Structures are given as structure tokens and as C-alpha cells.
Amino acid sequence: MKRSDLRVEWEQRIATFTASGLSASKWCAANEVSIHQFWYWKKKLKTTEDTFSDSSQWFALEMDDSMEDSQSKIMVHVGQVSLEIEHGFDPKLLVEVVRTLQSIC
């Protein structure tokens, strides 16, 4: 089984568990699933969701020569916060700010 197929299978299992209203141990026993694997996948899928939530969208930004003047700006929206980014910004700082905003929004 491919890793992507296994991931889809566990996403379905976690969704079924959530809808069941059972405790993890009871659901695992009823569905013949290892409790250790269950917690591994539940944590793994939650971490992935946190990192790549449906509301996050990443895209490539290509700049041409006309965009390199000192007056060029872009707007970045994170939740309800808007950031105005000017030419010469610090990319590492922007990443830190966006991550912080995502964690509180």
C-alpha cells in the first residue's frame, strides 16, 4: 500500500472515530486497530492539519523588473490581519510573523 493510500485510510478512520463518540480504546477494540497506531496517526494528521490548514494557501510570486522599484508593495492577509510588505523586506522575519499570526488567529 502506498503511503498516500495509507494516509487516506487513516484520515477516514480518524473521521469515523470522531463521529462514533466512543473513547479511543473502545473504538480501536471494536475496529481491531492498534491503539498505538491510532495515536500515532491521530497526532501525525493533526500536526499536518495545523501546518497546512485548508485556509492556508501558498503560491509563487514572480517579480519582473517593473516591480523592483522602491515604491512596490504587496499585501499579505493572515486571518483578519493585513501586512503591507515593501521592497527590501526580511524574508525570515516575514515567515516568523506569519507563523505567529497563524498560531493566534
Foldseek 3Di string as FASTA:
>chain_A
DDPVVVLVVLVVLVVVVVVVPDDLVVSCVVVVHDSVVNVVSVVVVVVVCLVPPPVDDDDDDDDDPVQQDQPHWDWDDAPNDIDIDTHPDDVVVVVVVNNVSSVVD
